[in-house]
Amino acid sequence: MNRSIEVLQTVLPVLIMLIIGMICRSRKLISREGISALKSVVVNITLPAVLLKAFAGTSYSFMDVIIPLMMFLVCLTAWALGRAAQKIFRIPSRFVPFLTTGFEAGMLGYALFEMLYGSSRTAEFARIDLGQVLFVFTVYKILLGMEGREKTDFGQLMREMVFSPIILAIAAGVILGASGLYSALIPSGVSGIFDACTDFVSAPTSAIILLTIGYDLVMKDIPWASTVKVTAVRFGIMMLLRAVFLAVLHLLWPGNGLNSAANVMFILPPPFVLPVFADDADQRVYVSSALSVSTLLSIICFAVLAALGV
């Protein structure tokens, strides 16, 4: 019975916020512009606060160099496997490889991880997230531009990456943590002030994220046959790469304690920014449908992880 209560304590808040988001859409309590503003608050303010604290409080080692490289390769491999699957299963959309790689860690992953394992372990998830963030900001966008036959502005791409609040927060956190400055401030109590400020700013992150996801979770008019196919392909690719990633990780660093972070990362949907690049109405419907079904699958997997207690 106690285990059932614990699962409900973890899963029910997620479901409630998703339902509230759906109600806000159906009853027009919040406009589309309002949801966009809430997403902007998360991406530019509250999530950077989460990442700043997570990376500042991390103890760094050689492993923290290798793991981002591994995740970068995971994402690149997932894209290549998605491209192969597109031909094998004859899925016509050019967005299939982009639906099989990348992870929506910012707008979903951190919220789910903290609800499962607590904010004190956020650094574990952030360690794995760094490599895929770099992939999405660079190779992912470059490949999208090439597929769309658009001229890629590498200067603009680098400016977007360098001046992104998320990247700036990660960089500042790494500097604070790797330099030992954060640890040096602990005896004076200054680090406690830092923690209090970042905790206060980041507090609404999970609730806002889940509300916006519920708002966007539209399940009607989905082309189920093609959508389920690409979702199943992605899930299969992710489970394969998760097994390889953890096997290599445990071979290099036995007992590294990152299983939980990897479990959450590899169940996440593709980046939510993808529909922006869909250049016609049919493709936007297809991509949005795939993201909705992938998100729903992620929530189901999240509930399974909560029930298993892993």
C-alpha atoms as a PDB file:
ATOM      1  CA  MET A   1       0.000   0.000   0.000  1.00  0.00           C
ATOM      2  CA  ASN A   2       2.820   2.409   0.872  1.00  0.00           C
ATOM      3  CA  ARG A   3       4.363   1.833  -2.556  1.00  0.00           C
ATOM      4  CA  SER A   4       1.046   2.675  -4.244  1.00  0.00           C
ATOM      5  CA  ILE A   5       0.872   5.933  -2.303  1.00  0.00           C
ATOM      6  CA  GLU A   6       4.426   6.817  -3.327  1.00  0.00           C
ATOM      7  CA  VAL A   7       3.636   6.175  -7.002  1.00  0.00           C
ATOM      8  CA  LEU A   8       0.509   8.329  -6.802  1.00  0.00           C
ATOM      9  CA  GLN A   9       2.486  11.105  -5.112  1.00  0.00           C
ATOM     10  CA  THR A  10       4.832  11.124  -8.100  1.00  0.00           C
ATOM     11  CA  VAL A  11       2.480  10.460 -11.021  1.00  0.00           C
ATOM     12  CA  LEU A  12      -0.710  12.256  -9.962  1.00  0.00           C
ATOM     13  CA  PRO A  13       0.777  15.795  -9.920  1.00  0.00           C
ATOM     14  CA  VAL A  14       2.000  15.216 -13.490  1.00  0.00           C
ATOM     15  CA  LEU A  15      -1.417  14.065 -14.675  1.00  0.00           C
ATOM     16  CA  ILE A  16      -3.186  16.921 -12.869  1.00  0.00           C
ATOM     17  CA  MET A  17      -1.012  19.580 -14.490  1.00  0.00           C
ATOM     18  CA  LEU A  18      -1.454  17.964 -17.925  1.00  0.00           C
ATOM     19  CA  ILE A  19      -5.238  17.954 -17.443  1.00  0.00           C
ATOM     20  CA  ILE A  20      -5.189  21.580 -16.269  1.00  0.00           C
ATOM     21  CA  GLY A  21      -3.291  22.451 -19.447  1.00  0.00           C
ATOM     22  CA  MET A  22      -5.905  20.662 -21.565  1.00  0.00           C
ATOM     23  CA  ILE A  23      -8.706  22.490 -19.742  1.00  0.00           C
ATOM     24  CA  CYS A  24      -6.952  25.810 -20.294  1.00  0.00           C
ATOM     25  CA  ARG A  25      -6.920  25.091 -24.027  1.00  0.00           C
ATOM     26  CA  SER A  26     -10.478  23.743 -24.349  1.00  0.00           C
ATOM     27  CA  ARG A  27     -12.014  26.551 -22.259  1.00  0.00           C
ATOM     28  CA  LYS A  28      -9.670  29.191 -23.645  1.00  0.00           C
ATOM     29  CA  LEU A  29      -8.497  30.186 -20.171  1.00  0.00           C
ATOM     30  CA  ILE A  30      -5.059  30.871 -21.626  1.00  0.00           C
ATOM     31  CA  SER A  31      -4.400  32.041 -25.172  1.00  0.00           C
ATOM     32  CA  ARG A  32      -1.768  30.578 -27.490  1.00  0.00           C
ATOM     33  CA  GLU A  33       0.238  33.762 -26.950  1.00  0.00           C
ATOM     34  CA  GLY A  34       0.001  33.207 -23.190  1.00  0.00           C
ATOM     35  CA  ILE A  35       1.363  29.669 -23.516  1.00  0.00           C
ATOM     36  CA  SER A  36       4.199  30.940 -25.683  1.00  0.00           C
ATOM     37  CA  ALA A  37       4.998  33.509 -22.986  1.00  0.00           C
ATOM     38  CA  LEU A  38       5.032  30.795 -20.296  1.00  0.00           C
ATOM     39  CA  LYS A  39       7.407  28.695 -22.419  1.00  0.00           C
ATOM     40  CA  SER A  40       9.640  31.728 -22.817  1.00  0.00           C
ATOM     41  CA  VAL A  41       9.714  32.177 -19.031  1.00  0.00           C
ATOM     42  CA  VAL A  42      10.816  28.559 -18.609  1.00  0.00           C
ATOM     43  CA  VAL A  43      13.464  28.570 -21.349  1.00  0.00           C
ATOM     44  CA  ASN A  44      14.921  31.982 -20.520  1.00  0.00           C
ATOM     45  CA  ILE A  45      14.520  32.236 -16.732  1.00  0.00           C
ATOM     46  CA  THR A  46      13.460  29.262 -14.613  1.00  0.00           C
ATOM     47  CA  LEU A  47      15.226  26.409 -16.440  1.00  0.00           C
ATOM     48  CA  PRO A  48      18.548  28.292 -16.599  1.00  0.00           C
ATOM     49  CA  ALA A  49      18.270  28.678 -12.810  1.00  0.00           C
ATOM     50  CA  VAL A  50      17.838  24.895 -12.495  1.00  0.00           C
ATOM     51  CA  LEU A  51      20.885  24.262 -14.673  1.00  0.00           C
ATOM     52  CA  LEU A  52      23.021  26.922 -12.980  1.00  0.00           C
ATOM     53  CA  LYS A  53      22.565  25.313  -9.577  1.00  0.00           C
ATOM     54  CA  ALA A  54      22.914  21.751 -10.916  1.00  0.00           C
ATOM     55  CA  PHE A  55      26.236  22.377 -12.657  1.00  0.00           C
ATOM     56  CA  ALA A  56      27.614  24.610  -9.883  1.00  0.00           C
ATOM     57  CA  GLY A  57      27.109  21.881  -7.291  1.00  0.00           C
ATOM     58  CA  THR A  58      28.672  19.116  -9.382  1.00  0.00           C
ATOM     59  CA  SER A  59      32.073  17.571  -8.669  1.00  0.00           C
ATOM     60  CA  TYR A  60      33.899  17.287 -11.984  1.00  0.00           C
ATOM     61  CA  SER A  61      36.120  14.536 -13.313  1.00  0.00           C
ATOM     62  CA  PHE A  62      37.301  13.091 -16.623  1.00  0.00           C
ATOM     63  CA  MET A  63      33.931  11.334 -16.842  1.00  0.00           C
ATOM     64  CA  ASP A  64      32.244  14.725 -17.313  1.00  0.00           C
ATOM     65  CA  VAL A  65      34.204  15.202 -20.533  1.00  0.00           C
ATOM     66  CA  ILE A  66      33.512  11.749 -21.946  1.00  0.00           C
ATOM     67  CA  ILE A  67      29.769  11.573 -21.166  1.00  0.00           C
ATOM     68  CA  PRO A  68      28.817  14.630 -23.293  1.00  0.00           C
ATOM     69  CA  LEU A  69      30.864  13.193 -26.164  1.00  0.00           C
ATOM     70  CA  MET A  70      29.061   9.861 -25.773  1.00  0.00           C
ATOM     71  CA  MET A  71      25.652  11.544 -25.811  1.00  0.00           C
ATOM     72  CA  PHE A  72      26.633  13.591 -28.860  1.00  0.00           C
ATOM     73  CA  LEU A  73      27.505  10.334 -30.651  1.00  0.00           C
ATOM     74  CA  VAL A  74      24.252   8.750 -29.419  1.00  0.00           C
ATOM     75  CA  CYS A  75      22.251  11.558 -31.040  1.00  0.00           C
ATOM     76  CA  LEU A  76      24.229  11.371 -34.286  1.00  0.00           C
ATOM     77  CA  THR A  77      23.776   7.578 -34.395  1.00  0.00           C
ATOM     78  CA  ALA A  78      20.043   7.906 -33.701  1.00  0.00           C
ATOM     79  CA  TRP A  79      19.733  10.317 -36.640  1.00  0.00           C
ATOM     80  CA  ALA A  80      21.573   7.862 -38.934  1.00  0.00           C
ATOM     81  CA  LEU A  81      19.430   4.934 -37.753  1.00  0.00           C
ATOM     82  CA  GLY A  82      16.302   7.027 -38.287  1.00  0.00           C
ATOM     83  CA  ARG A  83      17.385   7.791 -41.827  1.00  0.00           C
ATOM     84  CA  ALA A  84      17.924   4.085 -42.479  1.00  0.00           C
ATOM     85  CA  ALA A  85      14.538   3.240 -40.921  1.00  0.00           C
ATOM     86  CA  GLN A  86      12.877   5.850 -43.128  1.00  0.00           C
ATOM     87  CA  LYS A  87      13.995   3.902 -46.200  1.00  0.00           C
ATOM     88  CA  ILE A  88      13.400   0.427 -44.758  1.00  0.00           C
ATOM     89  CA  PHE A  89       9.842   1.172 -43.607  1.00  0.00           C
ATOM     90  CA  ARG A  90       9.136   3.530 -46.522  1.00  0.00           C
ATOM     91  CA  ILE A  91       8.024   6.461 -44.384  1.00  0.00           C
ATOM     92  CA  PRO A  92       7.707   9.418 -46.777  1.00  0.00           C
ATOM     93  CA  SER A  93       8.322  12.354 -44.410  1.00  0.00           C
ATOM     94  CA  ARG A  94      11.816  13.905 -44.550  1.00  0.00           C
ATOM     95  CA  PHE A  95      11.469  14.643 -40.821  1.00  0.00           C
ATOM     96  CA  VAL A  96      11.703  10.997 -39.745  1.00  0.00           C
ATOM     97  CA  PRO A  97      15.454  11.118 -38.878  1.00  0.00           C
ATOM     98  CA  PHE A  98      14.798  14.245 -36.789  1.00  0.00           C
ATOM     99  CA  LEU A  99      11.955  12.527 -34.954  1.00  0.00           C
ATOM    100  CA  THR A 100      14.280   9.667 -33.988  1.00  0.00           C
ATOM    101  CA  THR A 101      17.032  11.783 -32.438  1.00  0.00           C
ATOM    102  CA  GLY A 102      17.401  14.552 -29.873  1.00  0.00           C
ATOM    103  CA  PHE A 103      15.593  14.777 -26.539  1.00  0.00           C
ATOM    104  CA  GLU A 104      13.189  17.332 -25.124  1.00  0.00           C
ATOM    105  CA  ALA A 105      15.064  17.547 -21.827  1.00  0.00           C
ATOM    106  CA  GLY A 106      14.454  21.249 -21.241  1.00  0.00           C
ATOM    107  CA  MET A 107      10.687  21.334 -21.587  1.00  0.00           C
ATOM    108  CA  LEU A 108      10.011  17.897 -20.112  1.00  0.00           C
ATOM    109  CA  GLY A 109      13.040  15.891 -18.961  1.00  0.00           C
ATOM    110  CA  TYR A 110      14.056  17.994 -15.963  1.00  0.00           C
ATOM    111  CA  ALA A 111      10.468  18.176 -14.731  1.00  0.00           C
ATOM    112  CA  LEU A 112      10.013  14.389 -14.862  1.00  0.00           C
ATOM    113  CA  PHE A 113      13.449  13.623 -13.397  1.00  0.00           C
ATOM    114  CA  GLU A 114      12.996  15.950 -10.426  1.00  0.00           C
ATOM    115  CA  MET A 115       9.552  14.518  -9.701  1.00  0.00           C
ATOM    116  CA  LEU A 116      10.989  11.014  -9.678  1.00  0.00           C
ATOM    117  CA  TYR A 117      14.296  11.586  -7.908  1.00  0.00           C
ATOM    118  CA  GLY A 118      14.234  15.062  -6.372  1.00  0.00           C
ATOM    119  CA  SER A 119      16.050  18.279  -7.184  1.00  0.00           C
ATOM    120  CA  SER A 120      19.108  17.170  -5.188  1.00  0.00           C
ATOM    121  CA  ARG A 121      19.962  14.747  -8.014  1.00  0.00           C
ATOM    122  CA  THR A 122      19.391  17.134 -10.931  1.00  0.00           C
ATOM    123  CA  ALA A 123      23.135  17.258 -11.616  1.00  0.00           C
ATOM    124  CA  GLU A 124      23.025  13.584 -12.666  1.00  0.00           C
ATOM    125  CA  PHE A 125      20.516  14.380 -15.397  1.00  0.00           C
ATOM    126  CA  ALA A 126      22.348  17.572 -16.378  1.00  0.00           C
ATOM    127  CA  ARG A 127      25.558  15.580 -16.948  1.00  0.00           C
ATOM    128  CA  ILE A 128      23.842  13.440 -19.565  1.00  0.00           C
ATOM    129  CA  ASP A 129      21.886  16.348 -21.025  1.00  0.00           C
ATOM    130  CA  LEU A 130      24.912  18.481 -21.928  1.00  0.00           C
ATOM    131  CA  GLY A 131      25.979  16.382 -24.931  1.00  0.00           C
ATOM    132  CA  GLN A 132      22.543  16.315 -26.515  1.00  0.00           C
ATOM    133  CA  VAL A 133      22.064  20.062 -25.935  1.00  0.00           C
ATOM    134  CA  LEU A 134      25.237  20.736 -27.902  1.00  0.00           C
ATOM    135  CA  PHE A 135      24.035  18.359 -30.634  1.00  0.00           C
ATOM    136  CA  VAL A 136      20.632  20.063 -30.958  1.00  0.00           C
ATOM    137  CA  PHE A 137      22.159  23.555 -31.044  1.00  0.00           C
ATOM    138  CA  THR A 138      24.668  22.592 -33.752  1.00  0.00           C
ATOM    139  CA  VAL A 139      24.414  19.472 -35.928  1.00  0.00           C
ATOM    140  CA  TYR A 140      20.632  19.062 -35.518  1.00  0.00           C
ATOM    141  CA  LYS A 141      19.880  22.590 -36.758  1.00  0.00           C
ATOM    142  CA  ILE A 142      22.465  22.353 -39.528  1.00  0.00           C
ATOM    143  CA  LEU A 143      20.973  19.086 -40.810  1.00  0.00           C
ATOM    144  CA  LEU A 144      17.471  20.550 -40.629  1.00  0.00           C
ATOM    145  CA  GLY A 145      18.591  23.495 -42.741  1.00  0.00           C
ATOM    146  CA  MET A 146      20.211  21.183 -45.290  1.00  0.00           C
ATOM    147  CA  GLU A 147      17.109  18.997 -45.518  1.00  0.00           C
ATOM    148  CA  GLY A 148      14.985  22.093 -46.060  1.00  0.00           C
ATOM    149  CA  ARG A 149      17.381  23.184 -48.807  1.00  0.00           C
ATOM    150  CA  GLU A 150      17.885  26.440 -46.915  1.00  0.00           C
ATOM    151  CA  LYS A 151      21.175  28.282 -46.651  1.00  0.00           C
ATOM    152  CA  THR A 152      22.543  27.656 -43.167  1.00  0.00           C
ATOM    153  CA  ASP A 153      23.744  30.845 -41.465  1.00  0.00           C
ATOM    154  CA  PHE A 154      26.538  29.449 -39.299  1.00  0.00           C
ATOM    155  CA  GLY A 155      27.181  32.852 -37.741  1.00  0.00           C
ATOM    156  CA  GLN A 156      23.587  33.145 -36.575  1.00  0.00           C
ATOM    157  CA  LEU A 157      23.663  29.538 -35.416  1.00  0.00           C
ATOM    158  CA  MET A 158      26.717  30.195 -33.238  1.00  0.00           C
ATOM    159  CA  ARG A 159      25.191  33.393 -31.846  1.00  0.00           C
ATOM    160  CA  GLU A 160      22.015  31.526 -30.902  1.00  0.00           C
ATOM    161  CA  MET A 161      24.055  28.884 -29.123  1.00  0.00           C
ATOM    162  CA  VAL A 162      26.519  31.182 -27.357  1.00  0.00           C
ATOM    163  CA  PHE A 163      23.902  33.661 -26.157  1.00  0.00           C
ATOM    164  CA  SER A 164      21.211  31.130 -25.264  1.00  0.00           C
ATOM    165  CA  PRO A 165      20.290  31.522 -21.563  1.00  0.00           C
ATOM    166  CA  ILE A 166      20.483  27.744 -21.209  1.00  0.00           C
ATOM    167  CA  ILE A 167      24.025  27.544 -22.597  1.00  0.00           C
ATOM    168  CA  LEU A 168      25.095  30.585 -20.547  1.00  0.00           C
ATOM    169  CA  ALA A 169      23.675  29.027 -17.381  1.00  0.00           C
ATOM    170  CA  ILE A 170      25.454  25.727 -18.072  1.00  0.00           C
ATOM    171  CA  ALA A 171      28.749  27.556 -18.751  1.00  0.00           C
ATOM    172  CA  ALA A 172      28.444  29.649 -15.581  1.00  0.00           C
ATOM    173  CA  GLY A 173      27.572  26.583 -13.527  1.00  0.00           C
ATOM    174  CA  VAL A 174      30.516  24.607 -14.892  1.00  0.00           C
ATOM    175  CA  ILE A 175      32.881  27.497 -14.119  1.00  0.00           C
ATOM    176  CA  LEU A 176      31.562  27.769 -10.552  1.00  0.00           C
ATOM    177  CA  GLY A 177      31.770  24.019 -10.002  1.00  0.00           C
ATOM    178  CA  ALA A 178      34.955  23.090 -11.837  1.00  0.00           C
ATOM    179  CA  SER A 179      36.917  26.038 -10.433  1.00  0.00           C
ATOM    180  CA  GLY A 180      35.988  25.100  -6.879  1.00  0.00           C
ATOM    181  CA  LEU A 181      34.486  28.555  -6.277  1.00  0.00           C
ATOM    182  CA  TYR A 182      31.090  27.177  -5.277  1.00  0.00           C
ATOM    183  CA  SER A 183      32.668  24.805  -2.734  1.00  0.00           C
ATOM    184  CA  ALA A 184      34.864  27.609  -1.407  1.00  0.00           C
ATOM    185  CA  LEU A 185      31.766  29.704  -0.671  1.00  0.00           C
ATOM    186  CA  ILE A 186      30.088  26.999   1.435  1.00  0.00           C
ATOM    187  CA  PRO A 187      31.826  27.815   4.778  1.00  0.00           C
ATOM    188  CA  SER A 188      30.860  31.497   4.533  1.00  0.00           C
ATOM    189  CA  GLY A 189      27.221  30.685   3.790  1.00  0.00           C
ATOM    190  CA  VAL A 190      27.290  32.564   0.477  1.00  0.00           C
ATOM    191  CA  SER A 191      26.555  29.328  -1.380  1.00  0.00           C
ATOM    192  CA  GLY A 192      23.408  29.008   0.725  1.00  0.00           C
ATOM    193  CA  ILE A 193      22.245  32.413  -0.502  1.00  0.00           C
ATOM    194  CA  PHE A 194      23.029  31.309  -4.064  1.00  0.00           C
ATOM    195  CA  ASP A 195      20.997  28.114  -3.566  1.00  0.00           C
ATOM    196  CA  ALA A 196      18.077  30.006  -2.053  1.00  0.00           C
ATOM    197  CA  CYS A 197      17.943  32.380  -5.017  1.00  0.00           C
ATOM    198  CA  THR A 198      18.185  29.667  -7.677  1.00  0.00           C
ATOM    199  CA  ASP A 199      15.662  27.472  -5.841  1.00  0.00           C
ATOM    200  CA  PHE A 200      13.177  30.346  -5.643  1.00  0.00           C
ATOM    201  CA  VAL A 201      13.506  31.228  -9.335  1.00  0.00           C
ATOM    202  CA  SER A 202      13.356  27.604 -10.491  1.00  0.00           C
ATOM    203  CA  ALA A 203      10.490  26.499  -8.211  1.00  0.00           C
ATOM    204  CA  PRO A 204       7.634  26.838 -10.760  1.00  0.00           C
ATOM    205  CA  THR A 205       9.541  25.137 -13.599  1.00  0.00           C
ATOM    206  CA  SER A 206       7.927  21.698 -13.433  1.00  0.00           C
ATOM    207  CA  ALA A 207       4.371  22.990 -13.036  1.00  0.00           C
ATOM    208  CA  ILE A 208       4.678  25.483 -15.907  1.00  0.00           C
ATOM    209  CA  ILE A 209       6.288  22.917 -18.199  1.00  0.00           C
ATOM    210  CA  LEU A 210       3.610  20.298 -17.600  1.00  0.00           C
ATOM    211  CA  LEU A 211       0.809  22.845 -18.012  1.00  0.00           C
ATOM    212  CA  THR A 212       2.164  23.958 -21.398  1.00  0.00           C
ATOM    213  CA  ILE A 213       2.615  20.352 -22.519  1.00  0.00           C
ATOM    214  CA  GLY A 214      -0.981  19.548 -21.533  1.00  0.00           C
ATOM    215  CA  TYR A 215      -2.110  22.602 -23.514  1.00  0.00           C
ATOM    216  CA  ASP A 216      -0.323  21.308 -26.629  1.00  0.00           C
ATOM    217  CA  LEU A 217      -1.318  17.662 -26.162  1.00  0.00           C
ATOM    218  CA  VAL A 218      -3.999  17.421 -28.859  1.00  0.00           C
ATOM    219  CA  MET A 219      -4.844  13.822 -29.715  1.00  0.00           C
ATOM    220  CA  LYS A 220      -7.666  14.324 -32.226  1.00  0.00           C
ATOM    221  CA  ASP A 221      -7.144  14.227 -35.992  1.00  0.00           C
ATOM    222  CA  ILE A 222      -3.865  12.310 -35.592  1.00  0.00           C
ATOM    223  CA  PRO A 223      -2.864  10.134 -38.589  1.00  0.00           C
ATOM    224  CA  TRP A 224      -2.400   7.150 -36.292  1.00  0.00           C
ATOM    225  CA  ALA A 225      -0.918   4.627 -38.718  1.00  0.00           C
ATOM    226  CA  SER A 226       2.065   6.732 -39.803  1.00  0.00           C
ATOM    227  CA  THR A 227       2.457   8.390 -36.396  1.00  0.00           C
ATOM    228  CA  VAL A 228       2.566   5.151 -34.425  1.00  0.00           C
ATOM    229  CA  LYS A 229       5.089   3.755 -36.935  1.00  0.00           C
ATOM    230  CA  VAL A 230       7.615   6.574 -36.459  1.00  0.00           C
ATOM    231  CA  THR A 231       7.015   6.617 -32.680  1.00  0.00           C
ATOM    232  CA  ALA A 232       7.700   2.876 -32.494  1.00  0.00           C
ATOM    233  CA  VAL A 233      10.838   3.287 -34.616  1.00  0.00           C
ATOM    234  CA  ARG A 234      12.125   6.013 -32.288  1.00  0.00           C
ATOM    235  CA  PHE A 235      11.357   3.972 -29.169  1.00  0.00           C
ATOM    236  CA  GLY A 236      13.175   0.941 -30.575  1.00  0.00           C
ATOM    237  CA  ILE A 237      16.215   3.030 -31.521  1.00  0.00           C
ATOM    238  CA  MET A 238      16.294   4.700 -28.094  1.00  0.00           C
ATOM    239  CA  MET A 239      16.055   1.433 -26.172  1.00  0.00           C
ATOM    240  CA  LEU A 240      18.910  -0.002 -28.247  1.00  0.00           C
ATOM    241  CA  LEU A 241      21.116   3.059 -27.757  1.00  0.00           C
ATOM    242  CA  ARG A 242      20.249   3.245 -24.051  1.00  0.00           C
ATOM    243  CA  ALA A 243      21.512  -0.328 -23.600  1.00  0.00           C
ATOM    244  CA  VAL A 244      24.742   0.444 -25.488  1.00  0.00           C
ATOM    245  CA  PHE A 245      25.251   3.751 -23.655  1.00  0.00           C
ATOM    246  CA  LEU A 246      24.839   2.193 -20.200  1.00  0.00           C
ATOM    247  CA  ALA A 247      26.993  -0.808 -21.119  1.00  0.00           C
ATOM    248  CA  VAL A 248      29.873   1.447 -22.195  1.00  0.00           C
ATOM    249  CA  LEU A 249      29.365   3.737 -19.223  1.00  0.00           C
ATOM    250  CA  HIS A 250      29.505   0.872 -16.714  1.00  0.00           C
ATOM    251  CA  LEU A 251      32.486  -0.620 -18.501  1.00  0.00           C
ATOM    252  CA  LEU A 252      34.401   2.645 -18.107  1.00  0.00           C
ATOM    253  CA  TRP A 253      33.053   3.626 -14.685  1.00  0.00           C
ATOM    254  CA  PRO A 254      31.406   0.759 -12.783  1.00  0.00           C
ATOM    255  CA  GLY A 255      28.812   1.942 -10.297  1.00  0.00           C
ATOM    256  CA  ASN A 256      28.599   5.443 -11.790  1.00  0.00           C
ATOM    257  CA  GLY A 257      25.011   5.906 -10.538  1.00  0.00           C
ATOM    258  CA  LEU A 258      23.671   7.419 -13.761  1.00  0.00           C
ATOM    259  CA  ASN A 259      21.141   4.696 -14.622  1.00  0.00           C
ATOM    260  CA  SER A 260      18.200   6.779 -13.388  1.00  0.00           C
ATOM    261  CA  ALA A 261      19.225   9.799 -15.459  1.00  0.00           C
ATOM    262  CA  ALA A 262      19.685   7.630 -18.566  1.00  0.00           C
ATOM    263  CA  ASN A 263      16.310   5.940 -18.017  1.00  0.00           C
ATOM    264  CA  VAL A 264      14.526   9.298 -18.048  1.00  0.00           C
ATOM    265  CA  MET A 265      16.572  10.747 -20.910  1.00  0.00           C
ATOM    266  CA  PHE A 266      15.967   7.876 -23.323  1.00  0.00           C
ATOM    267  CA  ILE A 267      12.160   7.875 -22.863  1.00  0.00           C
ATOM    268  CA  LEU A 268      11.833  11.563 -23.773  1.00  0.00           C
ATOM    269  CA  PRO A 269      10.219  12.776 -27.024  1.00  0.00           C
ATOM    270  CA  PRO A 270      12.159  14.599 -29.771  1.00  0.00           C
ATOM    271  CA  PRO A 271      12.775  18.373 -29.471  1.00  0.00           C
ATOM    272  CA  PHE A 272       9.532  20.352 -29.427  1.00  0.00           C
ATOM    273  CA  VAL A 273      11.025  22.971 -31.760  1.00  0.00           C
ATOM    274  CA  LEU A 274      10.766  20.637 -34.762  1.00  0.00           C
ATOM    275  CA  PRO A 275       7.320  21.774 -36.110  1.00  0.00           C
ATOM    276  CA  VAL A 276       8.803  25.242 -36.701  1.00  0.00           C
ATOM    277  CA  PHE A 277      10.869  23.734 -39.525  1.00  0.00           C
ATOM    278  CA  ALA A 278       7.943  21.924 -41.192  1.00  0.00           C
ATOM    279  CA  ASP A 279       7.440  23.848 -44.413  1.00  0.00           C
ATOM    280  CA  ASP A 280       3.904  22.768 -45.326  1.00  0.00           C
ATOM    281  CA  ALA A 281       0.649  22.098 -43.483  1.00  0.00           C
ATOM    282  CA  ASP A 282       0.676  18.312 -43.925  1.00  0.00           C
ATOM    283  CA  GLN A 283       4.222  18.012 -42.569  1.00  0.00           C
ATOM    284  CA  ARG A 284       3.382  20.226 -39.582  1.00  0.00           C
ATOM    285  CA  VAL A 285       0.411  17.996 -38.742  1.00  0.00           C
ATOM    286  CA  TYR A 286       2.577  14.888 -39.078  1.00  0.00           C
ATOM    287  CA  VAL A 287       5.407  16.247 -36.937  1.00  0.00           C
ATOM    288  CA  SER A 288       3.061  17.694 -34.297  1.00  0.00           C
ATOM    289  CA  SER A 289       1.157  14.404 -34.144  1.00  0.00           C
ATOM    290  CA  ALA A 290       4.395  12.451 -33.702  1.00  0.00           C
ATOM    291  CA  LEU A 291       5.460  14.777 -30.884  1.00  0.00           C
ATOM    292  CA  SER A 292       2.075  14.423 -29.153  1.00  0.00           C
ATOM    293  CA  VAL A 293       2.138  10.609 -29.294  1.00  0.00           C
ATOM    294  CA  SER A 294       5.819  10.509 -28.269  1.00  0.00           C
ATOM    295  CA  THR A 295       5.050  12.784 -25.312  1.00  0.00           C
ATOM    296  CA  LEU A 296       2.150  10.590 -24.252  1.00  0.00           C
ATOM    297  CA  LEU A 297       4.428   7.541 -24.469  1.00  0.00           C
ATOM    298  CA  SER A 298       7.006   9.378 -22.325  1.00  0.00           C
ATOM    299  CA  ILE A 299       4.385  10.033 -19.626  1.00  0.00           C
ATOM    300  CA  ILE A 300       3.385   6.352 -19.669  1.00  0.00           C
ATOM    301  CA  CYS A 301       7.049   5.299 -19.356  1.00  0.00           C
ATOM    302  CA  PHE A 302       7.463   7.826 -16.548  1.00  0.00           C
ATOM    303  CA  ALA A 303       4.585   6.164 -14.694  1.00  0.00           C
ATOM    304  CA  VAL A 304       6.202   2.759 -15.215  1.00  0.00           C
ATOM    305  CA  LEU A 305       9.528   4.036 -13.818  1.00  0.00           C
ATOM    306  CA  ALA A 306       7.673   5.460 -10.823  1.00  0.00           C
ATOM    307  CA  ALA A 307       5.881   2.154 -10.253  1.00  0.00           C
ATOM    308  CA  LEU A 308       9.101   0.138 -10.555  1.00  0.00           C
ATOM    309  CA  GLY A 309      10.988   2.548  -8.327  1.00  0.00           C
ATOM    310  CA  VAL A 310      14.142   2.434 -10.485  1.00  0.00           C
END
